[in-house]
């Protein structure tokens, strides 16, 4: 029920999963984060209007519109699949008809995640297990290079974070686990049903 309710509230269409498989073995199938999971996340995790959140593998943009609508933050969606990117752009047009005066704060880029140029203002990064560890490592390195240019507080939000992601962050980077948000009712059957928040230590 929440899927329909929130899509109608935001005037967007983000339902459905990807049919078929990506041509690249490094990129995983599209599946949007459930709205019920987003509600749980943002009941515990603070987003400020000054934040710039990048969603890698944004699909049709669900997370982007949800954050912009409720927190007025700037959101950037990065999507390699041209069909999903186009649907995100169309969703943006529909969303802006309802949420006026927010067009300067929602961006979508159609490119491979590792090719996205990290902006020195980007400070929050969302990953719903979108690609292989090899791609993840490249993106984390891109983030760290941007921090060398402009030091700032950086946090990562992992949903369905793979063991490879976690091992890499905890053993080969300065990221530290800040919080774990378990999705009760879902986690009992699947331990990956949780959000992990990592903060970059200095």
C-alpha atoms as a PDB file:
ATOM      1  CA  UNK A   1       0.000   0.000   0.000  1.00  0.00           C
ATOM      2  CA  UNK A   2       2.826   2.422   0.826  1.00  0.00           C
ATOM      3  CA  UNK A   3       4.328   2.001  -2.623  1.00  0.00           C
ATOM      4  CA  UNK A   4       1.173   3.355  -4.235  1.00  0.00           C
ATOM      5  CA  UNK A   5       0.578   6.008  -1.568  1.00  0.00           C
ATOM      6  CA  UNK A   6       4.019   7.601  -1.802  1.00  0.00           C
ATOM      7  CA  UNK A   7       4.258   7.391  -5.590  1.00  0.00           C
ATOM      8  CA  UNK A   8       0.926   9.249  -5.787  1.00  0.00           C
ATOM      9  CA  UNK A   9       2.016  11.754  -3.126  1.00  0.00           C
ATOM     10  CA  UNK A  10       5.192  12.534  -5.075  1.00  0.00           C
ATOM     11  CA  UNK A  11       3.446  12.297  -8.462  1.00  0.00           C
ATOM     12  CA  UNK A  12       5.977   9.744  -9.748  1.00  0.00           C
ATOM     13  CA  UNK A  13       6.114   6.137 -10.928  1.00  0.00           C
ATOM     14  CA  UNK A  14       8.967   4.109  -9.421  1.00  0.00           C
ATOM     15  CA  UNK A  15       7.462   0.647  -8.990  1.00  0.00           C
ATOM     16  CA  UNK A  16       8.552  -2.615 -10.566  1.00  0.00           C
ATOM     17  CA  UNK A  17      11.814  -4.493 -10.818  1.00  0.00           C
ATOM     18  CA  UNK A  18      14.171  -4.835 -13.754  1.00  0.00           C
ATOM     19  CA  UNK A  19      13.219  -7.428 -16.325  1.00  0.00           C
ATOM     20  CA  UNK A  20      16.151  -9.308 -17.798  1.00  0.00           C
ATOM     21  CA  UNK A  21      19.757  -8.735 -16.816  1.00  0.00           C
ATOM     22  CA  UNK A  22      22.311  -6.008 -17.265  1.00  0.00           C
ATOM     23  CA  UNK A  23      24.919  -6.647 -19.917  1.00  0.00           C
ATOM     24  CA  UNK A  24      27.658  -5.966 -17.393  1.00  0.00           C
ATOM     25  CA  UNK A  25      28.306  -8.514 -14.662  1.00  0.00           C
ATOM     26  CA  UNK A  26      29.486  -5.641 -12.446  1.00  0.00           C
ATOM     27  CA  UNK A  27      26.060  -3.988 -12.274  1.00  0.00           C
ATOM     28  CA  UNK A  28      23.138  -5.562 -10.427  1.00  0.00           C
ATOM     29  CA  UNK A  29      19.441  -5.578 -11.259  1.00  0.00           C
ATOM     30  CA  UNK A  30      17.251  -2.568 -10.496  1.00  0.00           C
ATOM     31  CA  UNK A  31      15.032  -2.804  -7.452  1.00  0.00           C
ATOM     32  CA  UNK A  32      13.794   0.301  -5.626  1.00  0.00           C
ATOM     33  CA  UNK A  33      14.227   0.657  -1.872  1.00  0.00           C
ATOM     34  CA  UNK A  34      10.805  -0.028  -0.275  1.00  0.00           C
ATOM     35  CA  UNK A  35       9.109   3.106   1.038  1.00  0.00           C
ATOM     36  CA  UNK A  36       8.609   1.373   4.388  1.00  0.00           C
ATOM     37  CA  UNK A  37      12.398   0.974   4.620  1.00  0.00           C
ATOM     38  CA  UNK A  38      12.924   4.644   3.723  1.00  0.00           C
ATOM     39  CA  UNK A  39      10.504   5.673   6.478  1.00  0.00           C
ATOM     40  CA  UNK A  40      12.453   3.606   8.999  1.00  0.00           C
ATOM     41  CA  UNK A  41      15.795   4.982   7.795  1.00  0.00           C
ATOM     42  CA  UNK A  42      14.797   8.622   8.026  1.00  0.00           C
ATOM     43  CA  UNK A  43      13.129   8.171  11.419  1.00  0.00           C
ATOM     44  CA  UNK A  44      16.662   7.475  12.674  1.00  0.00           C
ATOM     45  CA  UNK A  45      18.929   9.301  10.245  1.00  0.00           C
ATOM     46  CA  UNK A  46      19.031  13.080   9.981  1.00  0.00           C
ATOM     47  CA  UNK A  47      19.173  14.808   6.607  1.00  0.00           C
ATOM     48  CA  UNK A  48      19.660  18.565   6.457  1.00  0.00           C
ATOM     49  CA  UNK A  49      18.558  20.853   3.666  1.00  0.00           C
ATOM     50  CA  UNK A  50      22.243  21.764   3.199  1.00  0.00           C
ATOM     51  CA  UNK A  51      23.201  18.141   2.404  1.00  0.00           C
ATOM     52  CA  UNK A  52      23.945  16.887  -1.115  1.00  0.00           C
ATOM     53  CA  UNK A  53      23.022  13.210  -1.417  1.00  0.00           C
ATOM     54  CA  UNK A  54      24.249  11.070  -4.303  1.00  0.00           C
ATOM     55  CA  UNK A  55      22.320   7.869  -5.055  1.00  0.00           C
ATOM     56  CA  UNK A  56      24.453   5.441  -7.075  1.00  0.00           C
ATOM     57  CA  UNK A  57      22.205   3.232  -9.196  1.00  0.00           C
ATOM     58  CA  UNK A  58      19.215   5.505  -8.629  1.00  0.00           C
ATOM     59  CA  UNK A  59      16.926   3.724 -11.083  1.00  0.00           C
ATOM     60  CA  UNK A  60      13.751   5.769 -11.487  1.00  0.00           C
ATOM     61  CA  UNK A  61      14.698   8.177  -8.697  1.00  0.00           C
ATOM     62  CA  UNK A  62      12.543   7.076  -5.758  1.00  0.00           C
ATOM     63  CA  UNK A  63      15.073   7.940  -3.036  1.00  0.00           C
ATOM     64  CA  UNK A  64      15.873  11.276  -4.694  1.00  0.00           C
ATOM     65  CA  UNK A  65      12.285  12.493  -4.745  1.00  0.00           C
ATOM     66  CA  UNK A  66      11.554  11.202  -1.245  1.00  0.00           C
ATOM     67  CA  UNK A  67      14.526  13.072   0.258  1.00  0.00           C
ATOM     68  CA  UNK A  68      13.891  16.260  -1.699  1.00  0.00           C
ATOM     69  CA  UNK A  69      10.191  16.295  -0.784  1.00  0.00           C
ATOM     70  CA  UNK A  70      10.599  15.724   2.952  1.00  0.00           C
ATOM     71  CA  UNK A  71      13.980  17.337   3.652  1.00  0.00           C
ATOM     72  CA  UNK A  72      14.471  19.876   0.825  1.00  0.00           C
ATOM     73  CA  UNK A  73      18.022  18.629   0.303  1.00  0.00           C
ATOM     74  CA  UNK A  74      19.862  18.545  -3.017  1.00  0.00           C
ATOM     75  CA  UNK A  75      19.815  15.072  -4.568  1.00  0.00           C
ATOM     76  CA  UNK A  76      21.811  13.580  -7.413  1.00  0.00           C
ATOM     77  CA  UNK A  77      20.868  10.314  -9.078  1.00  0.00           C
ATOM     78  CA  UNK A  78      23.467   8.374 -11.047  1.00  0.00           C
ATOM     79  CA  UNK A  79      22.086   5.698 -13.385  1.00  0.00           C
ATOM     80  CA  UNK A  80      23.808   3.754 -16.175  1.00  0.00           C
ATOM     81  CA  UNK A  81      20.621   2.280 -17.670  1.00  0.00           C
ATOM     82  CA  UNK A  82      19.281   4.752 -20.254  1.00  0.00           C
ATOM     83  CA  UNK A  83      15.693   3.514 -19.910  1.00  0.00           C
ATOM     84  CA  UNK A  84      15.645   4.037 -16.134  1.00  0.00           C
ATOM     85  CA  UNK A  85      17.439   7.364 -16.509  1.00  0.00           C
ATOM     86  CA  UNK A  86      14.742   8.537 -18.930  1.00  0.00           C
ATOM     87  CA  UNK A  87      12.020   7.398 -16.522  1.00  0.00           C
ATOM     88  CA  UNK A  88      13.762   9.329 -13.723  1.00  0.00           C
ATOM     89  CA  UNK A  89      13.808  12.464 -15.890  1.00  0.00           C
ATOM     90  CA  UNK A  90      10.103  12.013 -16.682  1.00  0.00           C
ATOM     91  CA  UNK A  91       9.390  11.495 -12.971  1.00  0.00           C
ATOM     92  CA  UNK A  92      11.260  14.734 -12.266  1.00  0.00           C
ATOM     93  CA  UNK A  93       8.975  16.624 -14.659  1.00  0.00           C
ATOM     94  CA  UNK A  94       5.869  15.191 -12.985  1.00  0.00           C
ATOM     95  CA  UNK A  95       7.242  15.740  -9.486  1.00  0.00           C
ATOM     96  CA  UNK A  96       8.074  19.390 -10.158  1.00  0.00           C
ATOM     97  CA  UNK A  97       4.519  20.076 -11.268  1.00  0.00           C
ATOM     98  CA  UNK A  98       3.491  19.187  -7.735  1.00  0.00           C
ATOM     99  CA  UNK A  99       6.537  20.328  -5.736  1.00  0.00           C
ATOM    100  CA  UNK A 100       7.181  23.700  -7.310  1.00  0.00           C
ATOM    101  CA  UNK A 101      10.373  25.763  -6.854  1.00  0.00           C
ATOM    102  CA  UNK A 102      12.604  22.746  -6.246  1.00  0.00           C
ATOM    103  CA  UNK A 103      14.003  22.285  -9.759  1.00  0.00           C
ATOM    104  CA  UNK A 104      17.475  23.494  -8.770  1.00  0.00           C
ATOM    105  CA  UNK A 105      17.920  20.654  -6.316  1.00  0.00           C
ATOM    106  CA  UNK A 106      17.282  17.444  -8.301  1.00  0.00           C
ATOM    107  CA  UNK A 107      19.798  16.191 -10.845  1.00  0.00           C
ATOM    108  CA  UNK A 108      20.152  12.957 -12.792  1.00  0.00           C
ATOM    109  CA  UNK A 109      23.255  11.742 -14.616  1.00  0.00           C
ATOM    110  CA  UNK A 110      23.261   8.911 -17.152  1.00  0.00           C
ATOM    111  CA  UNK A 111      26.722   7.387 -16.778  1.00  0.00           C
ATOM    112  CA  UNK A 112      28.602   4.560 -15.119  1.00  0.00           C
ATOM    113  CA  UNK A 113      28.811   5.168 -11.389  1.00  0.00           C
ATOM    114  CA  UNK A 114      32.611   5.174 -11.356  1.00  0.00           C
ATOM    115  CA  UNK A 115      32.595   7.911 -14.035  1.00  0.00           C
ATOM    116  CA  UNK A 116      30.476  10.319 -11.975  1.00  0.00           C
ATOM    117  CA  UNK A 117      32.596  13.338 -11.024  1.00  0.00           C
ATOM    118  CA  UNK A 118      32.235  13.772  -7.267  1.00  0.00           C
ATOM    119  CA  UNK A 119      31.315  17.378  -6.536  1.00  0.00           C
ATOM    120  CA  UNK A 120      33.179  18.986  -3.628  1.00  0.00           C
ATOM    121  CA  UNK A 121      29.756  19.689  -2.079  1.00  0.00           C
ATOM    122  CA  UNK A 122      28.567  16.047  -2.257  1.00  0.00           C
ATOM    123  CA  UNK A 123      28.617  14.753   1.320  1.00  0.00           C
ATOM    124  CA  UNK A 124      26.184  11.815   1.571  1.00  0.00           C
ATOM    125  CA  UNK A 125      26.299   8.721  -0.648  1.00  0.00           C
ATOM    126  CA  UNK A 126      23.625   6.030  -0.910  1.00  0.00           C
ATOM    127  CA  UNK A 127      24.221   2.473  -2.127  1.00  0.00           C
ATOM    128  CA  UNK A 128      21.532  -0.205  -2.474  1.00  0.00           C
ATOM    129  CA  UNK A 129      24.014  -2.953  -3.391  1.00  0.00           C
ATOM    130  CA  UNK A 130      24.090  -1.626  -6.979  1.00  0.00           C
ATOM    131  CA  UNK A 131      27.321  -3.104  -8.317  1.00  0.00           C
ATOM    132  CA  UNK A 132      30.362  -5.296  -7.694  1.00  0.00           C
ATOM    133  CA  UNK A 133      33.048  -4.628  -5.111  1.00  0.00           C
ATOM    134  CA  UNK A 134      35.433  -3.561  -7.888  1.00  0.00           C
ATOM    135  CA  UNK A 135      33.127  -0.680  -8.879  1.00  0.00           C
ATOM    136  CA  UNK A 136      32.455   0.175  -5.242  1.00  0.00           C
ATOM    137  CA  UNK A 137      36.187   0.500  -4.530  1.00  0.00           C
ATOM    138  CA  UNK A 138      36.629   2.871  -7.494  1.00  0.00           C
ATOM    139  CA  UNK A 139      33.795   5.085  -6.251  1.00  0.00           C
ATOM    140  CA  UNK A 140      35.089   5.176  -2.672  1.00  0.00           C
ATOM    141  CA  UNK A 141      38.504   6.173  -4.034  1.00  0.00           C
ATOM    142  CA  UNK A 142      36.834   8.936  -6.079  1.00  0.00           C
ATOM    143  CA  UNK A 143      35.115  10.170  -2.912  1.00  0.00           C
ATOM    144  CA  UNK A 144      38.384  10.138  -0.969  1.00  0.00           C
ATOM    145  CA  UNK A 145      40.154  12.086  -3.728  1.00  0.00           C
ATOM    146  CA  UNK A 146      37.419  14.730  -3.574  1.00  0.00           C
ATOM    147  CA  UNK A 147      37.895  14.988   0.195  1.00  0.00           C
ATOM    148  CA  UNK A 148      41.588  15.699  -0.374  1.00  0.00           C
ATOM    149  CA  UNK A 149      40.527  18.682  -2.496  1.00  0.00           C
ATOM    150  CA  UNK A 150      37.854  19.845  -0.063  1.00  0.00           C
ATOM    151  CA  UNK A 151      37.799  18.374   3.432  1.00  0.00           C
ATOM    152  CA  UNK A 152      34.266  17.812   4.739  1.00  0.00           C
ATOM    153  CA  UNK A 153      32.131  15.373   6.703  1.00  0.00           C
ATOM    154  CA  UNK A 154      31.302  12.340   4.543  1.00  0.00           C
ATOM    155  CA  UNK A 155      28.794   9.594   5.269  1.00  0.00           C
ATOM    156  CA  UNK A 156      27.813   6.471   3.362  1.00  0.00           C
ATOM    157  CA  UNK A 157      24.418   4.800   3.637  1.00  0.00           C
ATOM    158  CA  UNK A 158      24.428   1.123   2.673  1.00  0.00           C
ATOM    159  CA  UNK A 159      21.210  -0.834   2.206  1.00  0.00           C
ATOM    160  CA  UNK A 160      21.724  -4.561   1.676  1.00  0.00           C
ATOM    161  CA  UNK A 161      25.458  -3.873   2.093  1.00  0.00           C
ATOM    162  CA  UNK A 162      27.434  -6.877   0.896  1.00  0.00           C
ATOM    163  CA  UNK A 163      30.105  -8.470   3.066  1.00  0.00           C
ATOM    164  CA  UNK A 164      32.682  -7.405   0.475  1.00  0.00           C
ATOM    165  CA  UNK A 165      31.647  -3.747   0.838  1.00  0.00           C
ATOM    166  CA  UNK A 166      31.800  -3.943   4.635  1.00  0.00           C
ATOM    167  CA  UNK A 167      35.161  -5.734   4.719  1.00  0.00           C
ATOM    168  CA  UNK A 168      36.694  -3.190   2.364  1.00  0.00           C
ATOM    169  CA  UNK A 169      35.395  -0.170   4.300  1.00  0.00           C
ATOM    170  CA  UNK A 170      36.426  -1.511   7.701  1.00  0.00           C
ATOM    171  CA  UNK A 171      39.835  -2.890   6.753  1.00  0.00           C
ATOM    172  CA  UNK A 172      41.130  -0.703   3.938  1.00  0.00           C
ATOM    173  CA  UNK A 173      39.653   2.760   4.532  1.00  0.00           C
ATOM    174  CA  UNK A 174      39.189   5.313   7.320  1.00  0.00           C
ATOM    175  CA  UNK A 175      35.405   4.848   7.286  1.00  0.00           C
ATOM    176  CA  UNK A 176      33.936   3.848  10.643  1.00  0.00           C
ATOM    177  CA  UNK A 177      30.542   2.335  11.382  1.00  0.00           C
ATOM    178  CA  UNK A 178      28.370   5.057  12.891  1.00  0.00           C
ATOM    179  CA  UNK A 179      25.003   3.311  13.080  1.00  0.00           C
ATOM    180  CA  UNK A 180      23.070   0.193  12.133  1.00  0.00           C
ATOM    181  CA  UNK A 181      19.341   0.462  11.480  1.00  0.00           C
ATOM    182  CA  UNK A 182      17.683  -2.941  11.472  1.00  0.00           C
ATOM    183  CA  UNK A 183      14.378  -3.320   9.639  1.00  0.00           C
ATOM    184  CA  UNK A 184      12.315  -5.228  12.164  1.00  0.00           C
ATOM    185  CA  UNK A 185       9.855  -7.609  10.576  1.00  0.00           C
ATOM    186  CA  UNK A 186      12.119  -8.000   7.567  1.00  0.00           C
ATOM    187  CA  UNK A 187      15.529  -8.634   9.143  1.00  0.00           C
ATOM    188  CA  UNK A 188      14.405 -11.829  10.903  1.00  0.00           C
ATOM    189  CA  UNK A 189      14.220 -13.578   7.543  1.00  0.00           C
ATOM    190  CA  UNK A 190      17.076 -11.729   5.847  1.00  0.00           C
ATOM    191  CA  UNK A 191      20.057 -10.290   7.777  1.00  0.00           C
ATOM    192  CA  UNK A 192      20.808  -7.927   4.870  1.00  0.00           C
ATOM    193  CA  UNK A 193      17.565  -6.034   5.593  1.00  0.00           C
ATOM    194  CA  UNK A 194      19.340  -3.216   7.373  1.00  0.00           C
ATOM    195  CA  UNK A 195      20.983   0.126   6.797  1.00  0.00           C
ATOM    196  CA  UNK A 196      24.624   0.660   7.725  1.00  0.00           C
ATOM    197  CA  UNK A 197      25.837   4.224   8.160  1.00  0.00           C
ATOM    198  CA  UNK A 198      29.579   4.801   7.777  1.00  0.00           C
ATOM    199  CA  UNK A 199      31.315   8.081   8.580  1.00  0.00           C
ATOM    200  CA  UNK A 200      34.732   9.020   7.253  1.00  0.00           C
ATOM    201  CA  UNK A 201      37.212   9.431  10.085  1.00  0.00           C
ATOM    202  CA  UNK A 202      40.185  11.777   9.895  1.00  0.00           C
END
